[in-house]
Amino acid sequence: MHAIASHLSDYDCYFSQFYSDNWVVQEFVKRGGGSSTILGGQFRENTERYLSQNRLKNDYAQSVYSNHYDLAVVCSDLLVPKSIRATKSVWVQEGMTDKITFWSKVVKALNLPGYWAGNTSLNGTSNLIDVYCVASEGYREYFQSLGADSRKLIVTGMPNFDNVEALKYNTFPHRNYVLVATSDIRELMGHDDRLEFIRKCVAIAQGRQLIFKLHPNENKKRAIHEIHEHAPNAWVYTDGNVNEMIYHCEELVTQFSTVVYVGLALGKKVHSYFDLEELKRKTPIQNGGRSAAHIAAICRRFIEYPHGKEKFLVEELPTIEADYQKIAC
C-alpha cells in the first residue's frame, strides 16, 4: 500500500490497519480474539510502528480524522466496512489465498460473509469492491471460478512479488542450504503435524544445511523447541528477509506460504502443500517492479473518472489493461 501511495503523491493519502465496523467482530477483537489475525495483536502493532517510522498519516478505522475519501484501496474483501462500500474502491492482491475447504464451499453457497470460512480462501471473491487487481492470469481465472465478477478483475501483478531478480542484491551470508518457510497453521486453529513436517524436511535436505524461517505469527518458543529436538543441526531464523534467503537457497520447502512464488519465479526446486502445477499457473507476473505504479495509475483514472462505477468497468478498465499489456510486452 505504501508503494502504491508513493505514486499518488499529489493526493492526500491516509492509511489504516485492517478493521471492521461489524459490532460482533469488534467485540471479538476487544476480548482478545483477534490477536492472531490482522485485526489486532502484533499485526496492528507492526503496522502502526511502520506508519510512524515512515511518517504516514494513520487514520485507524477512519476514526482519527474527519475525512471523506474519494477512493479506498484494500487488500482484503472478507470484511468491508460500510464507509468503504459507499465510495470507489480498489482491491489489491497481497499474497496467496488459503486452500478452499468444504466449509468455504458452504459459506459461498449460503452467501455468508467470507470471513465465516475461518481463513482467507474466499478473499477476492465477494464482489464488494469495485476493481480487483490480481497477481496473474492464473489468479484471474481462479477468482472467476469462485464467483468473482470478470469485469472487475485486472491483471497487474503484486507489488511485493513482481521483481524477484532484484533479490540478487542482498547480503544474506549463507549458501548451499535447504530453506524451510513455515506457516502459522496452528495459530489459526488448523491441524499441522509439525513433527512429521520437520522429519520430511530433514529427508529432503539429505545432509545439506537446513535453515528454518518461522512465520511471524508463530509461537516461536514452541517452534524452536520442536526444530531443535527433531532437526538438531538446523538453524532457525525468527526474523529477516525470507525472500533474500530464498534467492540463495538450493531448495525451498513451504507449507501454505506465498513465498513459494518467489522460489518458482527464481526457478528453484520447491515443495508446497498446494499442487505445484496450479501454483505455476498462478505465479505472479514479473514486470520489473512496475505493479505499484500500474495500480496507482488505475486508482488515478478511477478517482478522476466522472461517470459511474459500472461505466468505468465497461469503458475504462478494458482500455487500461490493453494499454498495460502493450507496455509489458
C-alpha atoms as a PDB file:
ATOM      1  CA  MET A   1       0.000   0.000   0.000  1.00  0.00           C
ATOM      2  CA  HIS A   2       2.882   2.357   0.764  1.00  0.00           C
ATOM      3  CA  ALA A   3       4.433   1.574  -2.626  1.00  0.00           C
ATOM      4  CA  ILE A   4       1.160   2.350  -4.407  1.00  0.00           C
ATOM      5  CA  ALA A   5       0.695   5.585  -2.447  1.00  0.00           C
ATOM      6  CA  SER A   6       4.220   6.681  -3.370  1.00  0.00           C
ATOM      7  CA  HIS A   7       2.952   7.051  -6.955  1.00  0.00           C
ATOM      8  CA  LEU A   8      -0.016   9.151  -5.785  1.00  0.00           C
ATOM      9  CA  SER A   9       1.896  11.937  -4.041  1.00  0.00           C
ATOM     10  CA  ASP A  10      -0.399  14.594  -5.486  1.00  0.00           C
ATOM     11  CA  TYR A  11      -3.264  13.121  -3.449  1.00  0.00           C
ATOM     12  CA  ASP A  12      -3.742  13.130   0.326  1.00  0.00           C
ATOM     13  CA  CYS A  13      -3.082   9.508   1.247  1.00  0.00           C
ATOM     14  CA  TYR A  14      -4.057   8.119   4.652  1.00  0.00           C
ATOM     15  CA  PHE A  15      -3.557   4.614   5.990  1.00  0.00           C
ATOM     16  CA  SER A  16      -5.261   2.221   8.374  1.00  0.00           C
ATOM     17  CA  GLN A  17      -4.673  -1.256   9.693  1.00  0.00           C
ATOM     18  CA  PHE A  18      -7.425  -3.673   8.663  1.00  0.00           C
ATOM     19  CA  TYR A  19     -10.592  -3.176  10.731  1.00  0.00           C
ATOM     20  CA  SER A  20     -14.298  -3.946  10.842  1.00  0.00           C
ATOM     21  CA  ASP A  21     -17.407  -1.915  11.657  1.00  0.00           C
ATOM     22  CA  ASN A  22     -19.327  -5.106  12.483  1.00  0.00           C
ATOM     23  CA  TRP A  23     -20.131  -4.945  16.205  1.00  0.00           C
ATOM     24  CA  VAL A  24     -19.765  -8.723  16.632  1.00  0.00           C
ATOM     25  CA  VAL A  25     -16.269  -8.651  15.129  1.00  0.00           C
ATOM     26  CA  GLN A  26     -15.383  -5.555  17.146  1.00  0.00           C
ATOM     27  CA  GLU A  27     -16.421  -7.282  20.360  1.00  0.00           C
ATOM     28  CA  PHE A  28     -14.397 -10.335  19.345  1.00  0.00           C
ATOM     29  CA  VAL A  29     -11.315  -8.149  18.900  1.00  0.00           C
ATOM     30  CA  LYS A  30     -11.888  -6.290  22.187  1.00  0.00           C
ATOM     31  CA  ARG A  31     -11.938  -9.611  24.029  1.00  0.00           C
ATOM     32  CA  GLY A  32      -8.564 -10.531  22.520  1.00  0.00           C
ATOM     33  CA  GLY A  33      -9.901 -12.934  19.909  1.00  0.00           C
ATOM     34  CA  GLY A  34      -8.263 -11.083  17.034  1.00  0.00           C
ATOM     35  CA  SER A  35      -4.728 -11.116  18.409  1.00  0.00           C
ATOM     36  CA  SER A  36      -3.601 -13.826  15.961  1.00  0.00           C
ATOM     37  CA  THR A  37      -5.304 -12.180  12.976  1.00  0.00           C
ATOM     38  CA  ILE A  38      -4.631  -8.964  11.057  1.00  0.00           C
ATOM     39  CA  LEU A  39      -7.366  -7.310  13.108  1.00  0.00           C
ATOM     40  CA  GLY A  40      -5.057  -6.921  16.095  1.00  0.00           C
ATOM     41  CA  GLY A  41      -2.053  -8.156  18.028  1.00  0.00           C
ATOM     42  CA  GLN A  42       1.407  -7.850  16.517  1.00  0.00           C
ATOM     43  CA  PHE A  43      -0.006  -7.175  13.049  1.00  0.00           C
ATOM     44  CA  ARG A  44      -1.654  -3.943  14.128  1.00  0.00           C
ATOM     45  CA  GLU A  45       1.358  -3.033  16.299  1.00  0.00           C
ATOM     46  CA  ASN A  46       3.793  -3.616  13.424  1.00  0.00           C
ATOM     47  CA  THR A  47       1.646  -1.636  11.021  1.00  0.00           C
ATOM     48  CA  GLU A  48       1.315   1.338  13.325  1.00  0.00           C
ATOM     49  CA  ARG A  49       5.057   1.249  14.031  1.00  0.00           C
ATOM     50  CA  TYR A  50       5.721   1.233  10.276  1.00  0.00           C
ATOM     51  CA  LEU A  51       3.349   4.152   9.690  1.00  0.00           C
ATOM     52  CA  SER A  52       5.006   6.130  12.462  1.00  0.00           C
ATOM     53  CA  GLN A  53       8.547   5.404  11.276  1.00  0.00           C
ATOM     54  CA  ASN A  54       7.678   6.412   7.719  1.00  0.00           C
ATOM     55  CA  ARG A  55       5.653   9.449   8.816  1.00  0.00           C
ATOM     56  CA  LEU A  56       2.493   8.211   7.127  1.00  0.00           C
ATOM     57  CA  LYS A  57      -0.879   9.524   8.280  1.00  0.00           C
ATOM     58  CA  ASN A  58      -2.679   6.886  10.352  1.00  0.00           C
ATOM     59  CA  ASP A  59      -6.471   7.163  10.215  1.00  0.00           C
ATOM     60  CA  TYR A  60      -7.209   3.890  12.009  1.00  0.00           C
ATOM     61  CA  ALA A  61     -10.769   2.745  11.256  1.00  0.00           C
ATOM     62  CA  GLN A  62     -11.414   6.230   9.839  1.00  0.00           C
ATOM     63  CA  SER A  63     -11.710   7.406  13.454  1.00  0.00           C
ATOM     64  CA  VAL A  64      -8.814   9.870  13.759  1.00  0.00           C
ATOM     65  CA  TYR A  65      -9.562  12.444  11.056  1.00  0.00           C
ATOM     66  CA  SER A  66     -12.944  13.635   9.861  1.00  0.00           C
ATOM     67  CA  ASN A  67     -12.168  12.820   6.256  1.00  0.00           C
ATOM     68  CA  HIS A  68     -14.341  11.988   3.300  1.00  0.00           C
ATOM     69  CA  TYR A  69     -12.371   9.704   0.998  1.00  0.00           C
ATOM     70  CA  ASP A  70     -12.641   9.625  -2.785  1.00  0.00           C
ATOM     71  CA  LEU A  71     -11.097   6.145  -3.017  1.00  0.00           C
ATOM     72  CA  ALA A  72     -10.284   3.260  -0.697  1.00  0.00           C
ATOM     73  CA  VAL A  73      -7.519   0.774  -1.552  1.00  0.00           C
ATOM     74  CA  VAL A  74      -7.745  -2.502   0.371  1.00  0.00           C
ATOM     75  CA  CYS A  75      -6.088  -5.923   0.370  1.00  0.00           C
ATOM     76  CA  SER A  76      -8.995  -7.942   1.768  1.00  0.00           C
ATOM     77  CA  ASP A  77     -12.701  -8.059   0.992  1.00  0.00           C
ATOM     78  CA  LEU A  78     -13.561 -10.557   3.715  1.00  0.00           C
ATOM     79  CA  LEU A  79     -14.725  -7.644   5.879  1.00  0.00           C
ATOM     80  CA  VAL A  80     -15.708  -4.452   4.070  1.00  0.00           C
ATOM     81  CA  PRO A  81     -16.901  -1.544   6.265  1.00  0.00           C
ATOM     82  CA  LYS A  82     -19.960   0.352   5.075  1.00  0.00           C
ATOM     83  CA  SER A  83     -17.953   3.545   4.557  1.00  0.00           C
ATOM     84  CA  ILE A  84     -15.691   1.743   2.072  1.00  0.00           C
ATOM     85  CA  ARG A  85     -18.646   0.221   0.240  1.00  0.00           C
ATOM     86  CA  ALA A  86     -20.038   3.727  -0.169  1.00  0.00           C
ATOM     87  CA  THR A  87     -17.006   5.065  -2.045  1.00  0.00           C
ATOM     88  CA  LYS A  88     -14.936   3.985  -5.026  1.00  0.00           C
ATOM     89  CA  SER A  89     -12.693   1.086  -4.083  1.00  0.00           C
ATOM     90  CA  VAL A  90      -9.767  -0.969  -5.384  1.00  0.00           C
ATOM     91  CA  TRP A  91      -8.666  -4.368  -4.049  1.00  0.00           C
ATOM     92  CA  VAL A  92      -5.014  -5.356  -4.366  1.00  0.00           C
ATOM     93  CA  GLN A  93      -3.926  -8.978  -4.042  1.00  0.00           C
ATOM     94  CA  GLU A  94      -1.207  -9.114  -1.398  1.00  0.00           C
ATOM     95  CA  GLY A  95      -0.449 -12.824  -1.338  1.00  0.00           C
ATOM     96  CA  MET A  96      -1.653 -16.376  -1.695  1.00  0.00           C
ATOM     97  CA  THR A  97      -5.172 -17.233  -0.559  1.00  0.00           C
ATOM     98  CA  ASP A  98      -5.827 -20.279   1.602  1.00  0.00           C
ATOM     99  CA  LYS A  99      -6.998 -23.559   0.187  1.00  0.00           C
ATOM    100  CA  ILE A 100     -10.735 -23.942  -0.419  1.00  0.00           C
ATOM    101  CA  THR A 101     -12.273 -26.228   2.201  1.00  0.00           C
ATOM    102  CA  PHE A 102     -15.641 -27.904   2.497  1.00  0.00           C
ATOM    103  CA  TRP A 103     -16.691 -25.145   4.879  1.00  0.00           C
ATOM    104  CA  SER A 104     -15.535 -22.485   2.395  1.00  0.00           C
ATOM    105  CA  LYS A 105     -17.914 -24.009  -0.158  1.00  0.00           C
ATOM    106  CA  VAL A 106     -20.777 -23.963   2.376  1.00  0.00           C
ATOM    107  CA  VAL A 107     -20.114 -20.304   3.188  1.00  0.00           C
ATOM    108  CA  LYS A 108     -20.056 -19.437  -0.522  1.00  0.00           C
ATOM    109  CA  ALA A 109     -23.196 -21.424  -1.283  1.00  0.00           C
ATOM    110  CA  LEU A 110     -25.125 -19.748   1.542  1.00  0.00           C
ATOM    111  CA  ASN A 111     -23.801 -16.307   0.547  1.00  0.00           C
ATOM    112  CA  LEU A 112     -22.385 -15.742   4.028  1.00  0.00           C
ATOM    113  CA  PRO A 113     -19.610 -13.207   4.717  1.00  0.00           C
ATOM    114  CA  GLY A 114     -16.257 -14.552   3.527  1.00  0.00           C
ATOM    115  CA  TYR A 115     -14.647 -14.411   6.957  1.00  0.00           C
ATOM    116  CA  TRP A 116     -17.023 -17.162   8.108  1.00  0.00           C
ATOM    117  CA  ALA A 117     -14.768 -19.576   6.226  1.00  0.00           C
ATOM    118  CA  GLY A 118     -12.240 -19.063   9.016  1.00  0.00           C
ATOM    119  CA  ASN A 119      -9.369 -18.418   6.592  1.00  0.00           C
ATOM    120  CA  THR A 120      -8.516 -16.349   3.501  1.00  0.00           C
ATOM    121  CA  SER A 121      -9.819 -18.859   0.962  1.00  0.00           C
ATOM    122  CA  LEU A 122     -12.634 -16.537  -0.181  1.00  0.00           C
ATOM    123  CA  ASN A 123     -10.601 -13.334  -0.215  1.00  0.00           C
ATOM    124  CA  GLY A 124     -11.043 -11.596  -3.560  1.00  0.00           C
ATOM    125  CA  THR A 125     -14.392 -13.192  -4.378  1.00  0.00           C
ATOM    126  CA  SER A 126     -17.086 -11.135  -2.602  1.00  0.00           C
ATOM    127  CA  ASN A 127     -17.554  -8.575  -5.428  1.00  0.00           C
ATOM    128  CA  LEU A 128     -17.990  -5.913  -2.713  1.00  0.00           C
ATOM    129  CA  ILE A 129     -15.041  -3.940  -4.125  1.00  0.00           C
ATOM    130  CA  ASP A 130     -15.230  -2.139  -7.471  1.00  0.00           C
ATOM    131  CA  VAL A 131     -11.887  -3.106  -9.066  1.00  0.00           C
ATOM    132  CA  TYR A 132      -9.740  -6.166  -8.278  1.00  0.00           C
ATOM    133  CA  CYS A 133      -6.007  -6.041  -9.101  1.00  0.00           C
ATOM    134  CA  VAL A 134      -4.717  -9.615  -9.298  1.00  0.00           C
ATOM    135  CA  ALA A 135      -1.276 -11.185  -9.498  1.00  0.00           C
ATOM    136  CA  SER A 136      -1.538 -13.185 -12.712  1.00  0.00           C
ATOM    137  CA  GLU A 137      -3.803 -14.563 -15.420  1.00  0.00           C
ATOM    138  CA  GLY A 138      -3.930 -17.815 -13.444  1.00  0.00           C
ATOM    139  CA  TYR A 139      -5.308 -15.989 -10.420  1.00  0.00           C
ATOM    140  CA  ARG A 140      -7.853 -14.140 -12.557  1.00  0.00           C
ATOM    141  CA  GLU A 141      -9.188 -17.479 -13.784  1.00  0.00           C
ATOM    142  CA  TYR A 142      -9.139 -18.856 -10.245  1.00  0.00           C
ATOM    143  CA  PHE A 143     -11.101 -15.949  -8.739  1.00  0.00           C
ATOM    144  CA  GLN A 144     -13.594 -16.139 -11.605  1.00  0.00           C
ATOM    145  CA  SER A 145     -14.143 -19.826 -10.862  1.00  0.00           C
ATOM    146  CA  LEU A 146     -15.109 -18.830  -7.315  1.00  0.00           C
ATOM    147  CA  GLY A 147     -17.705 -16.314  -8.480  1.00  0.00           C
ATOM    148  CA  ALA A 148     -15.715 -13.105  -8.892  1.00  0.00           C
ATOM    149  CA  ASP A 149     -17.172 -10.705 -11.478  1.00  0.00           C
ATOM    150  CA  SER A 150     -14.873 -10.972 -14.515  1.00  0.00           C
ATOM    151  CA  ARG A 151     -15.463  -7.306 -15.421  1.00  0.00           C
ATOM    152  CA  LYS A 152     -13.847  -6.200 -12.163  1.00  0.00           C
ATOM    153  CA  LEU A 153     -10.652  -8.258 -12.490  1.00  0.00           C
ATOM    154  CA  ILE A 154      -7.475  -6.834 -13.981  1.00  0.00           C
ATOM    155  CA  VAL A 155      -4.031  -8.456 -14.036  1.00  0.00           C
ATOM    156  CA  THR A 156      -1.496  -6.024 -12.588  1.00  0.00           C
ATOM    157  CA  GLY A 157       0.989  -8.176 -10.707  1.00  0.00           C
ATOM    158  CA  MET A 158       1.689  -7.897  -6.969  1.00  0.00           C
ATOM    159  CA  PRO A 159       3.972  -5.073  -5.795  1.00  0.00           C
ATOM    160  CA  ASN A 160       5.732  -7.341  -3.285  1.00  0.00           C
ATOM    161  CA  PHE A 161       6.275 -10.269  -5.698  1.00  0.00           C
ATOM    162  CA  ASP A 162       6.850  -8.721  -9.136  1.00  0.00           C
ATOM    163  CA  ASN A 163      10.633  -8.312  -9.315  1.00  0.00           C
ATOM    164  CA  VAL A 164      12.456 -11.337  -7.905  1.00  0.00           C
ATOM    165  CA  GLU A 165      15.606 -10.615  -9.902  1.00  0.00           C
ATOM    166  CA  ALA A 166      16.199  -7.579  -7.682  1.00  0.00           C
ATOM    167  CA  LEU A 167      16.807 -10.005  -4.798  1.00  0.00           C
ATOM    168  CA  LYS A 168      20.306 -10.705  -6.130  1.00  0.00           C
ATOM    169  CA  TYR A 169      21.418  -7.524  -4.390  1.00  0.00           C
ATOM    170  CA  ASN A 170      21.342  -8.819  -0.826  1.00  0.00           C
ATOM    171  CA  THR A 171      23.828  -9.625   1.908  1.00  0.00           C
ATOM    172  CA  PHE A 172      22.431 -12.867   3.343  1.00  0.00           C
ATOM    173  CA  PRO A 173      25.698 -14.712   4.065  1.00  0.00           C
ATOM    174  CA  HIS A 174      24.820 -18.404   3.629  1.00  0.00           C
ATOM    175  CA  ARG A 175      24.790 -20.629   0.530  1.00  0.00           C
ATOM    176  CA  ASN A 176      24.063 -24.254  -0.445  1.00  0.00           C
ATOM    177  CA  TYR A 177      21.238 -24.839   2.039  1.00  0.00           C
ATOM    178  CA  VAL A 178      17.645 -26.053   2.069  1.00  0.00           C
ATOM    179  CA  LEU A 179      15.295 -23.315   3.281  1.00  0.00           C
ATOM    180  CA  VAL A 180      12.065 -24.121   5.123  1.00  0.00           C
ATOM    181  CA  ALA A 181       9.430 -21.361   5.320  1.00  0.00           C
ATOM    182  CA  THR A 182       6.847 -22.467   7.885  1.00  0.00           C
ATOM    183  CA  SER A 183       3.210 -21.348   8.216  1.00  0.00           C
ATOM    184  CA  ASP A 184       1.060 -20.311  11.184  1.00  0.00           C
ATOM    185  CA  ILE A 185      -1.435 -23.152  10.700  1.00  0.00           C
ATOM    186  CA  ARG A 186      -1.774 -23.998  14.387  1.00  0.00           C
ATOM    187  CA  GLU A 187      -2.059 -20.375  15.451  1.00  0.00           C
ATOM    188  CA  LEU A 188      -5.062 -20.093  13.123  1.00  0.00           C
ATOM    189  CA  MET A 189      -6.639 -23.197  14.686  1.00  0.00           C
ATOM    190  CA  GLY A 190      -5.754 -25.559  11.837  1.00  0.00           C
ATOM    191  CA  HIS A 191      -4.158 -29.006  12.034  1.00  0.00           C
ATOM    192  CA  ASP A 192      -0.417 -29.157  11.467  1.00  0.00           C
ATOM    193  CA  ASP A 193       1.624 -32.308  12.137  1.00  0.00           C
ATOM    194  CA  ARG A 194       4.747 -30.232  12.674  1.00  0.00           C
ATOM    195  CA  LEU A 195       6.926 -33.136  13.812  1.00  0.00           C
ATOM    196  CA  GLU A 196       6.180 -35.121  10.648  1.00  0.00           C
ATOM    197  CA  PHE A 197       6.817 -31.989   8.585  1.00  0.00           C
ATOM    198  CA  ILE A 198      10.231 -31.495  10.209  1.00  0.00           C
ATOM    199  CA  ARG A 199      11.143 -35.116   9.520  1.00  0.00           C
ATOM    200  CA  LYS A 200      10.230 -34.641   5.846  1.00  0.00           C
ATOM    201  CA  CYS A 201      12.403 -31.526   5.721  1.00  0.00           C
ATOM    202  CA  VAL A 202      15.344 -33.487   7.109  1.00  0.00           C
ATOM    203  CA  ALA A 203      14.788 -36.163   4.458  1.00  0.00           C
ATOM    204  CA  ILE A 204      14.630 -33.557   1.668  1.00  0.00           C
ATOM    205  CA  ALA A 205      17.855 -31.932   2.864  1.00  0.00           C
ATOM    206  CA  GLN A 206      19.826 -35.207   2.570  1.00  0.00           C
ATOM    207  CA  GLY A 207      22.609 -33.904   4.754  1.00  0.00           C
ATOM    208  CA  ARG A 208      22.618 -30.347   3.419  1.00  0.00           C
ATOM    209  CA  GLN A 209      22.290 -27.482   5.884  1.00  0.00           C
ATOM    210  CA  LEU A 210      18.671 -26.841   6.901  1.00  0.00           C
ATOM    211  CA  ILE A 211      17.525 -23.306   7.643  1.00  0.00           C
ATOM    212  CA  PHE A 212      14.057 -22.688   9.083  1.00  0.00           C
ATOM    213  CA  LYS A 213      12.453 -19.251   8.702  1.00  0.00           C
ATOM    214  CA  LEU A 214       9.464 -19.077  11.051  1.00  0.00           C
ATOM    215  CA  HIS A 215       6.224 -17.322  10.167  1.00  0.00           C
ATOM    216  CA  PRO A 216       5.885 -14.032  12.123  1.00  0.00           C
ATOM    217  CA  ASN A 217       2.622 -15.211  13.687  1.00  0.00           C
ATOM    218  CA  GLU A 218       4.000 -18.495  15.040  1.00  0.00           C
ATOM    219  CA  ASN A 219       4.553 -19.463  18.645  1.00  0.00           C
ATOM    220  CA  LYS A 220       8.304 -19.084  18.287  1.00  0.00           C
ATOM    221  CA  LYS A 221       9.309 -20.751  21.549  1.00  0.00           C
ATOM    222  CA  ARG A 222       7.345 -23.887  20.713  1.00  0.00           C
ATOM    223  CA  ALA A 223       8.521 -23.984  17.095  1.00  0.00           C
ATOM    224  CA  ILE A 224      12.199 -23.564  18.004  1.00  0.00           C
ATOM    225  CA  HIS A 225      11.976 -26.331  20.610  1.00  0.00           C
ATOM    226  CA  GLU A 226      10.428 -28.737  18.093  1.00  0.00           C
ATOM    227  CA  ILE A 227      13.039 -27.981  15.436  1.00  0.00           C
ATOM    228  CA  HIS A 228      15.983 -28.354  17.809  1.00  0.00           C
ATOM    229  CA  GLU A 229      14.582 -31.652  19.049  1.00  0.00           C
ATOM    230  CA  HIS A 230      13.961 -33.247  15.647  1.00  0.00           C
ATOM    231  CA  ALA A 231      16.479 -31.405  13.446  1.00  0.00           C
ATOM    232  CA  PRO A 232      19.245 -30.510  15.918  1.00  0.00           C
ATOM    233  CA  ASN A 233      21.666 -29.263  13.255  1.00  0.00           C
ATOM    234  CA  ALA A 234      19.172 -26.874  11.688  1.00  0.00           C
ATOM    235  CA  TRP A 235      19.468 -23.104  12.005  1.00  0.00           C
ATOM    236  CA  VAL A 236      16.350 -21.119  12.930  1.00  0.00           C
ATOM    237  CA  TYR A 237      15.571 -17.522  11.951  1.00  0.00           C
ATOM    238  CA  THR A 238      12.645 -15.752  13.607  1.00  0.00           C
ATOM    239  CA  ASP A 239      13.081 -12.577  11.563  1.00  0.00           C
ATOM    240  CA  GLY A 240      14.946 -11.387   8.492  1.00  0.00           C
ATOM    241  CA  ASN A 241      14.012 -11.095   4.819  1.00  0.00           C
ATOM    242  CA  VAL A 242      12.806 -14.542   3.740  1.00  0.00           C
ATOM    243  CA  ASN A 243      12.896 -13.566   0.043  1.00  0.00           C
ATOM    244  CA  GLU A 244      16.624 -12.864   0.268  1.00  0.00           C
ATOM    245  CA  MET A 245      17.081 -16.249   1.928  1.00  0.00           C
ATOM    246  CA  ILE A 246      15.178 -17.895  -0.920  1.00  0.00           C
ATOM    247  CA  TYR A 247      17.444 -16.311  -3.529  1.00  0.00           C
ATOM    248  CA  HIS A 248      20.498 -18.133  -2.164  1.00  0.00           C
ATOM    249  CA  CYS A 249      18.907 -21.485  -1.257  1.00  0.00           C
ATOM    250  CA  GLU A 250      19.250 -24.679  -3.291  1.00  0.00           C
ATOM    251  CA  GLU A 251      15.769 -25.911  -2.475  1.00  0.00           C
ATOM    252  CA  LEU A 252      12.681 -24.370  -0.853  1.00  0.00           C
ATOM    253  CA  VAL A 253      10.188 -26.171   1.396  1.00  0.00           C
ATOM    254  CA  THR A 254       6.902 -24.436   2.270  1.00  0.00           C
ATOM    255  CA  GLN A 255       3.529 -25.282   3.720  1.00  0.00           C
ATOM    256  CA  PHE A 256       0.846 -22.665   2.878  1.00  0.00           C
ATOM    257  CA  SER A 257       3.137 -19.733   2.140  1.00  0.00           C
ATOM    258  CA  THR A 258       3.036 -17.118  -0.614  1.00  0.00           C
ATOM    259  CA  VAL A 259       6.834 -17.108  -0.694  1.00  0.00           C
ATOM    260  CA  VAL A 260       6.660 -20.323  -2.717  1.00  0.00           C
ATOM    261  CA  TYR A 261       6.039 -17.987  -5.674  1.00  0.00           C
ATOM    262  CA  VAL A 262       9.425 -16.361  -5.145  1.00  0.00           C
ATOM    263  CA  GLY A 263      11.036 -19.779  -5.408  1.00  0.00           C
ATOM    264  CA  LEU A 264       9.081 -20.661  -8.542  1.00  0.00           C
ATOM    265  CA  ALA A 265       9.866 -17.324 -10.213  1.00  0.00           C
ATOM    266  CA  LEU A 266      13.564 -17.892  -9.456  1.00  0.00           C
ATOM    267  CA  GLY A 267      13.464 -21.403 -10.903  1.00  0.00           C
ATOM    268  CA  LYS A 268      14.144 -23.120  -7.581  1.00  0.00           C
ATOM    269  CA  LYS A 269      13.030 -26.643  -6.748  1.00  0.00           C
ATOM    270  CA  VAL A 270      10.100 -26.096  -4.386  1.00  0.00           C
ATOM    271  CA  HIS A 271       7.787 -28.091  -2.130  1.00  0.00           C
ATOM    272  CA  SER A 272       4.332 -26.966  -1.024  1.00  0.00           C
ATOM    273  CA  TYR A 273       1.087 -28.280   0.447  1.00  0.00           C
ATOM    274  CA  PHE A 274      -0.559 -26.815  -2.677  1.00  0.00           C
ATOM    275  CA  ASP A 275      -0.491 -28.520  -6.073  1.00  0.00           C
ATOM    276  CA  LEU A 276       2.682 -27.352  -7.839  1.00  0.00           C
ATOM    277  CA  GLU A 277       1.153 -27.242 -11.315  1.00  0.00           C
ATOM    278  CA  GLU A 278      -1.610 -24.990 -10.033  1.00  0.00           C
ATOM    279  CA  LEU A 279       0.971 -22.786  -8.313  1.00  0.00           C
ATOM    280  CA  LYS A 280       2.930 -22.467 -11.555  1.00  0.00           C
ATOM    281  CA  ARG A 281      -0.228 -21.256 -13.345  1.00  0.00           C
ATOM    282  CA  LYS A 282      -0.847 -18.700 -10.590  1.00  0.00           C
ATOM    283  CA  THR A 283       2.739 -17.434 -10.190  1.00  0.00           C
ATOM    284  CA  PRO A 284       2.685 -13.603 -10.106  1.00  0.00           C
ATOM    285  CA  ILE A 285       3.833 -11.907 -13.287  1.00  0.00           C
ATOM    286  CA  GLN A 286       7.328 -10.424 -13.244  1.00  0.00           C
ATOM    287  CA  ASN A 287       7.342  -6.881 -14.608  1.00  0.00           C
ATOM    288  CA  GLY A 288      10.484  -5.372 -13.138  1.00  0.00           C
ATOM    289  CA  GLY A 289       8.675  -3.874 -10.151  1.00  0.00           C
ATOM    290  CA  ARG A 290       6.068  -1.880 -12.075  1.00  0.00           C
ATOM    291  CA  SER A 291       2.955  -3.274 -10.359  1.00  0.00           C
ATOM    292  CA  ALA A 292       2.640  -0.487  -7.771  1.00  0.00           C
ATOM    293  CA  ALA A 293       2.856   2.216 -10.427  1.00  0.00           C
ATOM    294  CA  HIS A 294       0.305   0.430 -12.606  1.00  0.00           C
ATOM    295  CA  ILE A 295      -2.145   0.031  -9.718  1.00  0.00           C
ATOM    296  CA  ALA A 296      -1.649   3.688  -8.811  1.00  0.00           C
ATOM    297  CA  ALA A 297      -2.489   4.628 -12.402  1.00  0.00           C
ATOM    298  CA  ILE A 298      -5.731   2.643 -12.144  1.00  0.00           C
ATOM    299  CA  CYS A 299      -6.530   4.458  -8.881  1.00  0.00           C
ATOM    300  CA  ARG A 300      -5.886   7.811 -10.543  1.00  0.00           C
ATOM    301  CA  ARG A 301      -8.088   7.007 -13.565  1.00  0.00           C
ATOM    302  CA  PHE A 302     -10.854   5.747 -11.272  1.00  0.00           C
ATOM    303  CA  ILE A 303     -10.762   8.809  -8.983  1.00  0.00           C
ATOM    304  CA  GLU A 304     -10.881  11.215 -11.928  1.00  0.00           C
ATOM    305  CA  TYR A 305     -13.473   9.273 -13.931  1.00  0.00           C
ATOM    306  CA  PRO A 306     -16.593  11.489 -13.986  1.00  0.00           C
ATOM    307  CA  HIS A 307     -19.193   8.791 -14.591  1.00  0.00           C
ATOM    308  CA  GLY A 308     -20.472   5.873 -12.542  1.00  0.00           C
ATOM    309  CA  LYS A 309     -18.649   2.757 -11.347  1.00  0.00           C
ATOM    310  CA  GLU A 310     -20.404   0.495 -13.840  1.00  0.00           C
ATOM    311  CA  LYS A 311     -19.324   2.638 -16.791  1.00  0.00           C
ATOM    312  CA  PHE A 312     -15.751   2.606 -15.530  1.00  0.00           C
ATOM    313  CA  LEU A 313     -15.749  -1.196 -15.574  1.00  0.00           C
ATOM    314  CA  VAL A 314     -17.153  -1.319 -19.105  1.00  0.00           C
ATOM    315  CA  GLU A 315     -15.458   1.661 -20.753  1.00  0.00           C
ATOM    316  CA  GLU A 316     -12.175   2.314 -18.918  1.00  0.00           C
ATOM    317  CA  LEU A 317     -10.851  -0.862 -17.311  1.00  0.00           C
ATOM    318  CA  PRO A 318     -10.505  -2.902 -20.552  1.00  0.00           C
ATOM    319  CA  THR A 319      -8.638   0.012 -22.160  1.00  0.00           C
ATOM    320  CA  ILE A 320      -6.319   0.318 -19.172  1.00  0.00           C
ATOM    321  CA  GLU A 321      -5.455  -3.376 -19.309  1.00  0.00           C
ATOM    322  CA  ALA A 322      -4.882  -3.319 -23.076  1.00  0.00           C
ATOM    323  CA  ASP A 323      -2.511  -0.363 -22.683  1.00  0.00           C
ATOM    324  CA  TYR A 324      -0.683  -2.101 -19.853  1.00  0.00           C
ATOM    325  CA  GLN A 325      -0.240  -5.295 -21.861  1.00  0.00           C
ATOM    326  CA  LYS A 326       1.399  -3.295 -24.664  1.00  0.00           C
ATOM    327  CA  ILE A 327       3.856  -1.806 -22.166  1.00  0.00           C
ATOM    328  CA  ALA A 328       4.502  -5.196 -20.541  1.00  0.00           C
ATOM    329  CA  CYS A 329       5.323  -6.751 -23.909  1.00  0.00           C
END
